[in-house]
Amino acid sequence: MSENFSLEIIGPENTILKTEAKQVTIPSFEGLMSILKDHISLVTFLRPGLIEVKKDKGDEKFFVEDGTVELNNNNLLILSSTAKNIKELSKDRMDEMIKDSEKKIKEEKIIDKERYVLSYKIDTLKEIRQ
């Protein structure tokens, strides 16, 4: 019997990934969450981080800043306006995103939630860049 489940990552204009996965790890506000076949149903929100997809034929990683996740009956749906395969992110683009985020995080009028989200974005981009 297959240990895979259906995964779909959808952006605002297209489907980014549609595949069968063995395991998907998502960066939710509750922490990193790994999903396997027959996981209980869930709905959650994404914080900046990496979506890690383990498949029979290799793994893929996606940088995400935000989004929603719904899992029901072994169908995982991730909706995000920012999901990008890390292979498509250039070092120059990551440096630019880090610089912009570090500038925003130093602003006096920033609220704690924004500071929290930006710090995860910066940490994740630095991790990918290495």
C-alpha atoms as a PDB file:
ATOM      1  CA  MET A   1       0.000   0.000   0.000  1.00  0.00           C
ATOM      2  CA  SER A   2       1.308   3.448  -0.909  1.00  0.00           C
ATOM      3  CA  GLU A   3       2.516   5.744   1.848  1.00  0.00           C
ATOM      4  CA  ASN A   4       1.985   8.806  -0.354  1.00  0.00           C
ATOM      5  CA  PHE A   5      -0.670  11.495  -0.233  1.00  0.00           C
ATOM      6  CA  SER A   6      -1.715  14.260  -2.606  1.00  0.00           C
ATOM      7  CA  LEU A   7       0.003  17.658  -2.402  1.00  0.00           C
ATOM      8  CA  GLU A   8      -0.836  20.831  -4.271  1.00  0.00           C
ATOM      9  CA  ILE A   9       0.903  24.200  -3.825  1.00  0.00           C
ATOM     10  CA  ILE A  10      -1.016  26.997  -5.528  1.00  0.00           C
ATOM     11  CA  GLY A  11       0.078  30.583  -6.148  1.00  0.00           C
ATOM     12  CA  PRO A  12      -2.096  33.495  -7.253  1.00  0.00           C
ATOM     13  CA  GLU A  13      -1.580  32.802 -10.957  1.00  0.00           C
ATOM     14  CA  ASN A  14      -0.755  29.111 -11.260  1.00  0.00           C
ATOM     15  CA  THR A  15      -0.206  25.754  -9.648  1.00  0.00           C
ATOM     16  CA  ILE A  16       3.379  25.665  -8.404  1.00  0.00           C
ATOM     17  CA  LEU A  17       3.479  21.969  -7.593  1.00  0.00           C
ATOM     18  CA  LYS A  18       1.048  19.080  -7.909  1.00  0.00           C
ATOM     19  CA  THR A  19       2.467  15.722  -6.847  1.00  0.00           C
ATOM     20  CA  GLU A  20       2.314  12.760  -4.530  1.00  0.00           C
ATOM     21  CA  ALA A  21       4.435  13.178  -1.390  1.00  0.00           C
ATOM     22  CA  LYS A  22       5.708  10.889   1.363  1.00  0.00           C
ATOM     23  CA  GLN A  23       6.170  13.728   3.850  1.00  0.00           C
ATOM     24  CA  VAL A  24       5.733  17.498   3.851  1.00  0.00           C
ATOM     25  CA  THR A  25       7.167  19.780   6.526  1.00  0.00           C
ATOM     26  CA  ILE A  26       5.603  23.231   6.791  1.00  0.00           C
ATOM     27  CA  PRO A  27       6.540  26.348   8.806  1.00  0.00           C
ATOM     28  CA  SER A  28       3.349  27.132  10.705  1.00  0.00           C
ATOM     29  CA  PHE A  29       2.967  29.730  13.446  1.00  0.00           C
ATOM     30  CA  GLU A  30       2.703  26.826  15.890  1.00  0.00           C
ATOM     31  CA  GLY A  31       6.152  25.620  14.778  1.00  0.00           C
ATOM     32  CA  LEU A  32       7.467  23.209  12.173  1.00  0.00           C
ATOM     33  CA  MET A  33       4.857  20.597  11.356  1.00  0.00           C
ATOM     34  CA  SER A  34       5.516  17.362   9.454  1.00  0.00           C
ATOM     35  CA  ILE A  35       2.633  15.745   7.645  1.00  0.00           C
ATOM     36  CA  LEU A  36       2.464  12.072   6.683  1.00  0.00           C
ATOM     37  CA  LYS A  37      -0.258   9.986   5.070  1.00  0.00           C
ATOM     38  CA  ASP A  38      -3.390   9.648   7.260  1.00  0.00           C
ATOM     39  CA  HIS A  39      -2.545  12.752   9.327  1.00  0.00           C
ATOM     40  CA  ILE A  40      -5.588  14.213  11.062  1.00  0.00           C
ATOM     41  CA  SER A  41      -7.389  17.001   9.225  1.00  0.00           C
ATOM     42  CA  LEU A  42      -6.038  20.471   9.852  1.00  0.00           C
ATOM     43  CA  VAL A  43      -6.185  24.095   8.825  1.00  0.00           C
ATOM     44  CA  THR A  44      -3.320  26.437   9.703  1.00  0.00           C
ATOM     45  CA  PHE A  45      -1.400  29.516   8.575  1.00  0.00           C
ATOM     46  CA  LEU A  46       2.166  29.654   7.306  1.00  0.00           C
ATOM     47  CA  ARG A  47       4.911  31.898   8.639  1.00  0.00           C
ATOM     48  CA  PRO A  48       8.103  32.592   6.657  1.00  0.00           C
ATOM     49  CA  GLY A  49      10.197  29.454   6.249  1.00  0.00           C
ATOM     50  CA  LEU A  50      10.782  26.395   4.103  1.00  0.00           C
ATOM     51  CA  ILE A  51       8.239  23.903   2.858  1.00  0.00           C
ATOM     52  CA  GLU A  52      10.133  20.622   2.511  1.00  0.00           C
ATOM     53  CA  VAL A  53       8.583  18.002   0.237  1.00  0.00           C
ATOM     54  CA  LYS A  54       9.861  14.418   0.368  1.00  0.00           C
ATOM     55  CA  LYS A  55       8.878  12.328  -2.647  1.00  0.00           C
ATOM     56  CA  ASP A  56       9.772   8.927  -4.047  1.00  0.00           C
ATOM     57  CA  LYS A  57      11.861  10.623  -6.732  1.00  0.00           C
ATOM     58  CA  GLY A  58      13.788  13.238  -4.730  1.00  0.00           C
ATOM     59  CA  ASP A  59      13.062  16.126  -2.442  1.00  0.00           C
ATOM     60  CA  GLU A  60      12.087  19.736  -3.144  1.00  0.00           C
ATOM     61  CA  LYS A  61      12.175  22.870  -1.004  1.00  0.00           C
ATOM     62  CA  PHE A  62      10.125  26.024  -1.336  1.00  0.00           C
ATOM     63  CA  PHE A  63      10.613  29.385   0.373  1.00  0.00           C
ATOM     64  CA  VAL A  64       7.335  30.823   1.601  1.00  0.00           C
ATOM     65  CA  GLU A  65       6.482  34.045   3.424  1.00  0.00           C
ATOM     66  CA  ASP A  66       2.810  33.409   4.134  1.00  0.00           C
ATOM     67  CA  GLY A  67      -0.154  31.284   3.216  1.00  0.00           C
ATOM     68  CA  THR A  68      -2.783  28.860   4.380  1.00  0.00           C
ATOM     69  CA  VAL A  69      -2.718  25.091   4.653  1.00  0.00           C
ATOM     70  CA  GLU A  70      -5.626  22.683   4.553  1.00  0.00           C
ATOM     71  CA  LEU A  71      -5.354  18.923   4.933  1.00  0.00           C
ATOM     72  CA  ASN A  72      -8.343  16.646   4.538  1.00  0.00           C
ATOM     73  CA  ASN A  73      -8.582  12.987   3.465  1.00  0.00           C
ATOM     74  CA  ASN A  74      -4.898  12.774   2.455  1.00  0.00           C
ATOM     75  CA  ASN A  75      -5.195  15.871   0.259  1.00  0.00           C
ATOM     76  CA  LEU A  76      -2.822  18.662   1.313  1.00  0.00           C
ATOM     77  CA  LEU A  77      -3.550  22.076  -0.194  1.00  0.00           C
ATOM     78  CA  ILE A  78      -1.147  24.979   0.326  1.00  0.00           C
ATOM     79  CA  LEU A  79      -2.179  28.430  -0.888  1.00  0.00           C
ATOM     80  CA  SER A  80       0.543  31.089  -0.919  1.00  0.00           C
ATOM     81  CA  SER A  81       1.265  34.245  -2.850  1.00  0.00           C
ATOM     82  CA  THR A  82       4.999  33.882  -2.171  1.00  0.00           C
ATOM     83  CA  ALA A  83       5.971  30.208  -2.619  1.00  0.00           C
ATOM     84  CA  LYS A  84       9.164  29.870  -4.689  1.00  0.00           C
ATOM     85  CA  ASN A  85      11.277  26.817  -5.355  1.00  0.00           C
ATOM     86  CA  ILE A  86      14.626  27.623  -3.736  1.00  0.00           C
ATOM     87  CA  LYS A  87      16.371  26.639  -6.974  1.00  0.00           C
ATOM     88  CA  GLU A  88      14.730  29.699  -8.564  1.00  0.00           C
ATOM     89  CA  LEU A  89      15.989  32.186  -5.948  1.00  0.00           C
ATOM     90  CA  SER A  90      19.232  33.910  -6.896  1.00  0.00           C
ATOM     91  CA  LYS A  91      21.714  35.006  -4.233  1.00  0.00           C
ATOM     92  CA  ASP A  92      21.263  38.612  -5.378  1.00  0.00           C
ATOM     93  CA  ARG A  93      17.483  38.393  -4.916  1.00  0.00           C
ATOM     94  CA  MET A  94      17.905  36.808  -1.469  1.00  0.00           C
ATOM     95  CA  ASP A  95      20.410  39.512  -0.446  1.00  0.00           C
ATOM     96  CA  GLU A  96      17.944  42.176  -1.572  1.00  0.00           C
ATOM     97  CA  MET A  97      15.094  40.568   0.409  1.00  0.00           C
ATOM     98  CA  ILE A  98      17.302  40.288   3.525  1.00  0.00           C
ATOM     99  CA  LYS A  99      18.399  43.922   3.231  1.00  0.00           C
ATOM    100  CA  ASP A 100      14.793  45.133   2.828  1.00  0.00           C
ATOM    101  CA  SER A 101      13.619  43.037   5.778  1.00  0.00           C
ATOM    102  CA  GLU A 102      16.478  44.186   8.027  1.00  0.00           C
ATOM    103  CA  LYS A 103      15.595  47.800   7.183  1.00  0.00           C
ATOM    104  CA  LYS A 104      11.915  47.232   8.043  1.00  0.00           C
ATOM    105  CA  ILE A 105      12.680  45.413  11.297  1.00  0.00           C
ATOM    106  CA  LYS A 106      14.599  48.472  12.589  1.00  0.00           C
ATOM    107  CA  GLU A 107      11.660  50.846  12.133  1.00  0.00           C
ATOM    108  CA  GLU A 108      10.242  52.236  15.373  1.00  0.00           C
ATOM    109  CA  LYS A 109       6.578  51.864  14.414  1.00  0.00           C
ATOM    110  CA  ILE A 110       6.814  48.155  13.637  1.00  0.00           C
ATOM    111  CA  ILE A 111       4.483  45.936  15.682  1.00  0.00           C
ATOM    112  CA  ASP A 112       5.680  42.755  17.398  1.00  0.00           C
ATOM    113  CA  LYS A 113       3.925  40.429  14.940  1.00  0.00           C
ATOM    114  CA  GLU A 114       5.668  42.081  11.975  1.00  0.00           C
ATOM    115  CA  ARG A 115       9.016  41.880  13.777  1.00  0.00           C
ATOM    116  CA  TYR A 116       8.384  38.167  14.462  1.00  0.00           C
ATOM    117  CA  VAL A 117       7.526  37.451  10.810  1.00  0.00           C
ATOM    118  CA  LEU A 118      10.458  39.470   9.456  1.00  0.00           C
ATOM    119  CA  SER A 119      12.932  37.736  11.771  1.00  0.00           C
ATOM    120  CA  TYR A 120      11.821  34.321  10.453  1.00  0.00           C
ATOM    121  CA  LYS A 121      12.083  35.611   6.879  1.00  0.00           C
ATOM    122  CA  ILE A 122      15.634  36.873   7.449  1.00  0.00           C
ATOM    123  CA  ASP A 123      16.760  33.681   9.203  1.00  0.00           C
ATOM    124  CA  THR A 124      15.305  31.443   6.481  1.00  0.00           C
ATOM    125  CA  LEU A 125      16.840  33.439   3.633  1.00  0.00           C
ATOM    126  CA  LYS A 126      20.244  33.390   5.330  1.00  0.00           C
ATOM    127  CA  GLU A 127      19.943  29.621   5.771  1.00  0.00           C
ATOM    128  CA  ILE A 128      19.075  29.101   2.093  1.00  0.00           C
ATOM    129  CA  ARG A 129      21.826  31.465   0.910  1.00  0.00           C
ATOM    130  CA  GLN A 130      24.599  29.400   2.526  1.00  0.00           C
END
